[in-house]
N, C-alpha and C. Protein backbone atom coordinates (compact mmCIF):
# COMPACT_ATOMS: atom_id res chain seq x y z
N MET A 1 0.84 -1.18 0.00
CA MET A 1 0.00 0.00 0.00
C MET A 1 0.88 1.24 0.00
N THR A 2 0.33 2.27 -0.53
CA THR A 2 1.04 3.53 -0.63
C THR A 2 0.79 4.37 0.61
N LEU A 3 1.78 5.10 1.00
CA LEU A 3 1.68 6.00 2.14
C LEU A 3 1.31 7.38 1.64
N LEU A 4 0.37 8.03 2.30
CA LEU A 4 -0.06 9.38 1.93
C LEU A 4 0.17 10.29 3.12
N GLN A 5 0.85 11.37 2.89
CA GLN A 5 1.10 12.34 3.95
C GLN A 5 0.45 13.65 3.55
N ILE A 6 -0.31 14.24 4.47
CA ILE A 6 -0.99 15.49 4.19
C ILE A 6 -0.39 16.57 5.08
N ARG A 7 0.04 17.63 4.44
CA ARG A 7 0.62 18.74 5.19
C ARG A 7 -0.34 19.92 5.16
N ASN A 8 -0.19 20.77 6.15
CA ASN A 8 -0.96 22.01 6.25
C ASN A 8 -2.46 21.77 6.29
N LEU A 9 -2.87 20.71 6.97
CA LEU A 9 -4.29 20.42 7.15
C LEU A 9 -4.78 21.30 8.29
N SER A 10 -5.82 22.06 8.03
CA SER A 10 -6.30 22.99 9.06
C SER A 10 -6.87 22.21 10.25
N ASP A 11 -6.81 22.85 11.40
CA ASP A 11 -7.27 22.22 12.63
C ASP A 11 -8.74 21.85 12.58
N ASP A 12 -9.57 22.71 11.95
CA ASP A 12 -11.00 22.42 11.91
C ASP A 12 -11.30 21.19 11.05
N VAL A 13 -10.54 21.01 9.97
CA VAL A 13 -10.73 19.83 9.12
C VAL A 13 -10.30 18.58 9.87
N TYR A 14 -9.17 18.65 10.57
CA TYR A 14 -8.70 17.48 11.32
C TYR A 14 -9.67 17.14 12.45
N THR A 15 -10.19 18.16 13.11
CA THR A 15 -11.15 17.92 14.21
C THR A 15 -12.40 17.24 13.68
N ALA A 16 -12.90 17.70 12.54
CA ALA A 16 -14.08 17.08 11.94
C ALA A 16 -13.79 15.65 11.51
N LEU A 17 -12.60 15.43 10.96
CA LEU A 17 -12.20 14.09 10.53
C LEU A 17 -12.09 13.15 11.73
N ARG A 18 -11.49 13.63 12.80
CA ARG A 18 -11.35 12.81 14.01
C ARG A 18 -12.72 12.50 14.62
N ALA A 19 -13.63 13.47 14.62
CA ALA A 19 -14.97 13.24 15.16
C ALA A 19 -15.73 12.23 14.30
N ALA A 20 -15.60 12.33 12.99
CA ALA A 20 -16.26 11.37 12.10
C ALA A 20 -15.69 9.97 12.30
N ALA A 21 -14.39 9.88 12.49
CA ALA A 21 -13.75 8.58 12.73
C ALA A 21 -14.26 7.96 14.03
N GLN A 22 -14.34 8.76 15.07
CA GLN A 22 -14.82 8.25 16.35
C GLN A 22 -16.27 7.80 16.25
N ALA A 23 -17.09 8.54 15.52
CA ALA A 23 -18.49 8.19 15.38
C ALA A 23 -18.67 6.87 14.65
N GLU A 24 -17.73 6.53 13.77
CA GLU A 24 -17.79 5.29 12.99
C GLU A 24 -16.90 4.18 13.56
N ASN A 25 -16.33 4.42 14.75
CA ASN A 25 -15.41 3.47 15.39
C ASN A 25 -14.24 3.12 14.47
N ARG A 26 -13.67 4.12 13.83
CA ARG A 26 -12.52 3.93 12.96
C ARG A 26 -11.38 4.81 13.44
N THR A 27 -10.20 4.49 12.94
CA THR A 27 -9.07 5.37 13.18
C THR A 27 -9.15 6.52 12.18
N VAL A 28 -8.38 7.57 12.44
CA VAL A 28 -8.36 8.71 11.51
C VAL A 28 -7.88 8.26 10.12
N PRO A 29 -6.81 7.46 10.01
CA PRO A 29 -6.42 7.00 8.67
C PRO A 29 -7.50 6.15 7.98
N GLN A 30 -8.18 5.28 8.74
CA GLN A 30 -9.25 4.47 8.14
C GLN A 30 -10.38 5.37 7.63
N GLN A 31 -10.75 6.35 8.43
CA GLN A 31 -11.83 7.26 8.02
C GLN A 31 -11.41 8.08 6.80
N THR A 32 -10.15 8.46 6.75
CA THR A 32 -9.66 9.21 5.59
C THR A 32 -9.79 8.39 4.32
N VAL A 33 -9.44 7.10 4.40
CA VAL A 33 -9.55 6.23 3.23
C VAL A 33 -11.02 6.08 2.82
N VAL A 34 -11.91 5.89 3.79
CA VAL A 34 -13.34 5.76 3.49
C VAL A 34 -13.86 7.01 2.78
N LEU A 35 -13.49 8.17 3.30
CA LEU A 35 -13.96 9.42 2.71
C LEU A 35 -13.37 9.65 1.32
N LEU A 36 -12.10 9.32 1.14
CA LEU A 36 -11.49 9.46 -0.19
C LEU A 36 -12.14 8.52 -1.20
N ARG A 37 -12.40 7.28 -0.79
CA ARG A 37 -13.06 6.33 -1.70
C ARG A 37 -14.44 6.84 -2.11
N ALA A 38 -15.18 7.38 -1.16
CA ALA A 38 -16.51 7.89 -1.46
C ALA A 38 -16.43 9.12 -2.37
N ALA A 39 -15.50 10.00 -2.09
CA ALA A 39 -15.37 11.22 -2.90
C ALA A 39 -14.93 10.90 -4.32
N LEU A 40 -14.08 9.90 -4.46
CA LEU A 40 -13.56 9.53 -5.79
C LEU A 40 -14.40 8.44 -6.45
N GLN A 41 -15.44 8.02 -5.76
CA GLN A 41 -16.35 6.97 -6.25
C GLN A 41 -15.59 5.69 -6.60
N VAL A 42 -14.73 5.29 -5.68
CA VAL A 42 -13.97 4.04 -5.83
C VAL A 42 -14.62 3.01 -4.92
N ASP A 43 -15.08 1.91 -5.51
CA ASP A 43 -15.75 0.86 -4.73
C ASP A 43 -14.74 0.02 -3.97
N ASP A 44 -15.14 -0.41 -2.80
CA ASP A 44 -14.36 -1.42 -2.11
C ASP A 44 -14.95 -2.79 -2.48
N ASP A 45 -14.32 -3.84 -2.04
CA ASP A 45 -14.75 -5.19 -2.39
C ASP A 45 -16.18 -5.49 -1.93
N ARG A 46 -16.51 -5.03 -0.73
CA ARG A 46 -17.85 -5.30 -0.22
C ARG A 46 -18.93 -4.63 -1.06
N ALA A 47 -18.69 -3.40 -1.47
CA ALA A 47 -19.68 -2.70 -2.30
C ALA A 47 -19.82 -3.36 -3.65
N ARG A 48 -18.71 -3.80 -4.20
CA ARG A 48 -18.74 -4.48 -5.50
C ARG A 48 -19.52 -5.79 -5.39
N ARG A 49 -19.25 -6.56 -4.34
CA ARG A 49 -19.97 -7.82 -4.12
C ARG A 49 -21.46 -7.57 -3.92
N ARG A 50 -21.79 -6.55 -3.14
CA ARG A 50 -23.19 -6.23 -2.88
C ARG A 50 -23.90 -5.88 -4.20
N ARG A 51 -23.23 -5.13 -5.07
CA ARG A 51 -23.82 -4.77 -6.35
C ARG A 51 -24.09 -6.00 -7.21
N VAL A 52 -23.15 -6.93 -7.22
CA VAL A 52 -23.32 -8.16 -8.00
C VAL A 52 -24.47 -8.98 -7.43
N LEU A 53 -24.54 -9.12 -6.13
CA LEU A 53 -25.62 -9.88 -5.50
C LEU A 53 -26.98 -9.23 -5.76
N ASP A 54 -27.02 -7.91 -5.71
CA ASP A 54 -28.27 -7.21 -6.01
C ASP A 54 -28.71 -7.46 -7.44
N ARG A 55 -27.74 -7.44 -8.36
CA ARG A 55 -28.06 -7.71 -9.76
C ARG A 55 -28.60 -9.13 -9.93
N LEU A 56 -28.00 -10.09 -9.24
CA LEU A 56 -28.47 -11.47 -9.31
C LEU A 56 -29.88 -11.60 -8.74
N ASP A 57 -30.15 -10.88 -7.67
CA ASP A 57 -31.49 -10.91 -7.08
C ASP A 57 -32.53 -10.36 -8.06
N ARG A 58 -32.17 -9.33 -8.80
CA ARG A 58 -33.10 -8.75 -9.77
C ARG A 58 -33.38 -9.70 -10.93
N LEU A 59 -32.42 -10.55 -11.24
CA LEU A 59 -32.62 -11.50 -12.34
C LEU A 59 -33.67 -12.56 -11.99
N GLN A 60 -33.78 -12.87 -10.73
CA GLN A 60 -34.74 -13.85 -10.22
C GLN A 60 -34.66 -15.17 -11.00
N VAL A 61 -33.48 -15.68 -11.11
CA VAL A 61 -33.27 -16.96 -11.78
C VAL A 61 -33.60 -18.06 -10.80
N GLU A 62 -34.43 -18.99 -11.25
CA GLU A 62 -34.82 -20.09 -10.38
C GLU A 62 -34.05 -21.35 -10.75
N ALA A 63 -33.67 -22.09 -9.75
CA ALA A 63 -32.98 -23.36 -9.98
C ALA A 63 -33.99 -24.39 -10.44
N PRO A 64 -33.57 -25.30 -11.29
CA PRO A 64 -34.51 -26.35 -11.72
C PRO A 64 -34.92 -27.22 -10.54
N ASP A 65 -36.11 -27.81 -10.66
CA ASP A 65 -36.62 -28.65 -9.56
C ASP A 65 -35.74 -29.87 -9.33
N SER A 66 -35.25 -30.46 -10.41
CA SER A 66 -34.40 -31.63 -10.24
C SER A 66 -33.15 -31.47 -11.10
N LEU A 67 -32.06 -31.83 -10.55
CA LEU A 67 -30.78 -31.76 -11.26
C LEU A 67 -30.35 -33.16 -11.66
N ALA A 68 -29.65 -33.23 -12.77
CA ALA A 68 -29.17 -34.52 -13.25
C ALA A 68 -28.11 -35.07 -12.29
N ASP A 69 -28.03 -36.38 -12.25
CA ASP A 69 -27.03 -37.04 -11.41
C ASP A 69 -25.64 -36.75 -11.98
N PRO A 70 -24.72 -36.23 -11.18
CA PRO A 70 -23.39 -35.90 -11.68
C PRO A 70 -22.66 -37.10 -12.29
N ALA A 71 -22.83 -38.27 -11.69
CA ALA A 71 -22.15 -39.46 -12.22
C ALA A 71 -22.66 -39.78 -13.62
N THR A 72 -23.94 -39.61 -13.85
CA THR A 72 -24.52 -39.86 -15.18
C THR A 72 -23.95 -38.87 -16.18
N LEU A 73 -23.85 -37.63 -15.80
CA LEU A 73 -23.30 -36.61 -16.70
C LEU A 73 -21.84 -36.91 -17.05
N ILE A 74 -21.08 -37.36 -16.08
CA ILE A 74 -19.67 -37.68 -16.32
C ILE A 74 -19.55 -38.88 -17.28
N ARG A 75 -20.39 -39.90 -17.04
CA ARG A 75 -20.38 -41.07 -17.94
C ARG A 75 -20.73 -40.67 -19.37
N GLU A 76 -21.75 -39.84 -19.52
CA GLU A 76 -22.15 -39.38 -20.86
C GLU A 76 -21.03 -38.61 -21.53
N ASP A 77 -20.35 -37.80 -20.75
CA ASP A 77 -19.24 -37.01 -21.31
C ASP A 77 -18.09 -37.91 -21.73
N ARG A 78 -17.80 -38.94 -20.96
CA ARG A 78 -16.71 -39.87 -21.29
C ARG A 78 -17.04 -40.72 -22.52
N ASP A 79 -18.32 -41.02 -22.71
CA ASP A 79 -18.74 -41.86 -23.83
C ASP A 79 -18.70 -41.12 -25.16
N ARG A 80 -18.55 -39.83 -25.15
CA ARG A 80 -18.52 -39.07 -26.42
C ARG A 80 -17.28 -39.35 -27.22
């Protein structure tokens, strides 16, 4: 991971950042990353997974009532 150093950050911005971090039970660096991701619209893995699962839910694909026996499928494939 890359290290980011911020200089000349005003006290009021740092105070607000620290308060937001405490409210979310995060450290100041963790809260900074969360805010930067949101501002830059960069998804984290959980958001990406949630989006995929939501898309799958919207598709409403139903599983067939009965599935073929795997051993039968393997035999058929070998007989080709």
